[in-house]
Amino acid sequence: MTKPIPDVRTGQAPAKLGRNEFHLQFMRSYADPRFDDVHDALAQVEEVAWRNYDDSRKAPVTQKAGPGFADPDYDMSVEWKATRDRLIEAERVQKDGATRSRVLLINASARNDGTCPGEISKTHRMVEWAQQTLARSDIDSDVLDLSLLTSSYDLHIHPCKGCVSTAMPLCHWPCTCYPNHAERQTSDWMAEIYEKWVAAHGVIILTPTYWYQAPAVLKSMIDRLVCADGGNPDPTTTHGKKAAEAKAIELAGWGYPKHLAGRAFGLVVHGDVAGIETLRRNLSDWLTWMGLIDAGKQSTLDRYIGYYESYAESHEVLDRDQAFQQEVHNVAASVAQAVKLLRAGQLQQPDAEVPPARPK
């Protein structure tokens, strides 16, 4: 018996801004007196931005989806299509046994010396050690430095909008929520970040602990990777964000494809007071849930650096902790070995062929 499609519940979103409210919001970005000389030009730009906002002009440049999509006549965002095509090419190269092995190193600290803290992070140094070990193993590395979100001009990881909780097929792979030009939710870094994950044979996340939790820059990326775990690769099946269509597709049976499964992973979690073990477990559980493979006992590390000692001397404490430095090298060496085994067909998830009782 076919399940009835649940109602789409609405009524939470506020009304759109009025014209004057929009003006005040728009001009907050131009408070510097230097913009006074271009007031008339800004007014022209504001008028165009207002019309786009008022018309909900999310994707201003589109093309027909074309062959290979459920609805080839659907008007698809050119920007999303370009991202999707790059992911397909990255996946092709990643699966080609003749290409070099690649590990993605993620620096999840928000600190660097190009912004308010004025000093590099300890995590940055750990990434460099991991790079050295991977190079000795003849493996290429790609560094994703999430601290660039705090020190780069107009670079963002916009927040996940929770489409998956309406219905899994409404969450598209890669994410179609951004860019949203009507809301000026642009310069979204995730299009590039998705490509880095897809291209990698292994991933190592190196992160400090902030208030028992993952740093905001890391958590933002994690949330936006929900589309990699069950996401819909064909947004024409839901004609963009048609919630009722997505509910019907999920209730008819959804396979929850794991788009990043089969890659090896390692973790380095550090802190100075509390929370490292919990964060390490959370990250390990998340990566395992997505189908990535733990590279072994020495591949996941949580350690304190200067436990309850001064922040001012933390780099000096790290200098002296030779055992910790070696443990970071060991994480990278473990992932390097796992990648070699994976690419030789000698390593896979032991339960890969066991169908789950609950596919979600």
Foldseek 3Di string as FASTA:
>chain_A
DFDDQDDDDDDDDDDDDDPVVLVVVLCVVVPPCVCVVVVVVVVVVSVVLQVCLVVQVFQVDWDQCQPPFPGRRFTHRPVVVVLLVLLVVLLVQLLPLVDAAEEEEEEQDLDDCQDDVNHHDPSVVLSVLLCVLCVVLVHHYDYHYLNCCVRPPPADLDADPPLVVLPQALQAVQGPPPDGSSVPNHNHCVSVVSSVLSNHLEYEYEAEADPLERPPSVVSNLRSCVCLFQYHHHCVQCSRRNSSSRSSVVSVPGQRHLNRANHEYAYEYEYAEDNQVVHLVVVVVSCVSSHYHYLDDLQYDYYYQNHPHDPVCRVVSVVPCPVVSVSSSSNSVSSSVVSVCSSVVNDHDPCPPPDDPDSD
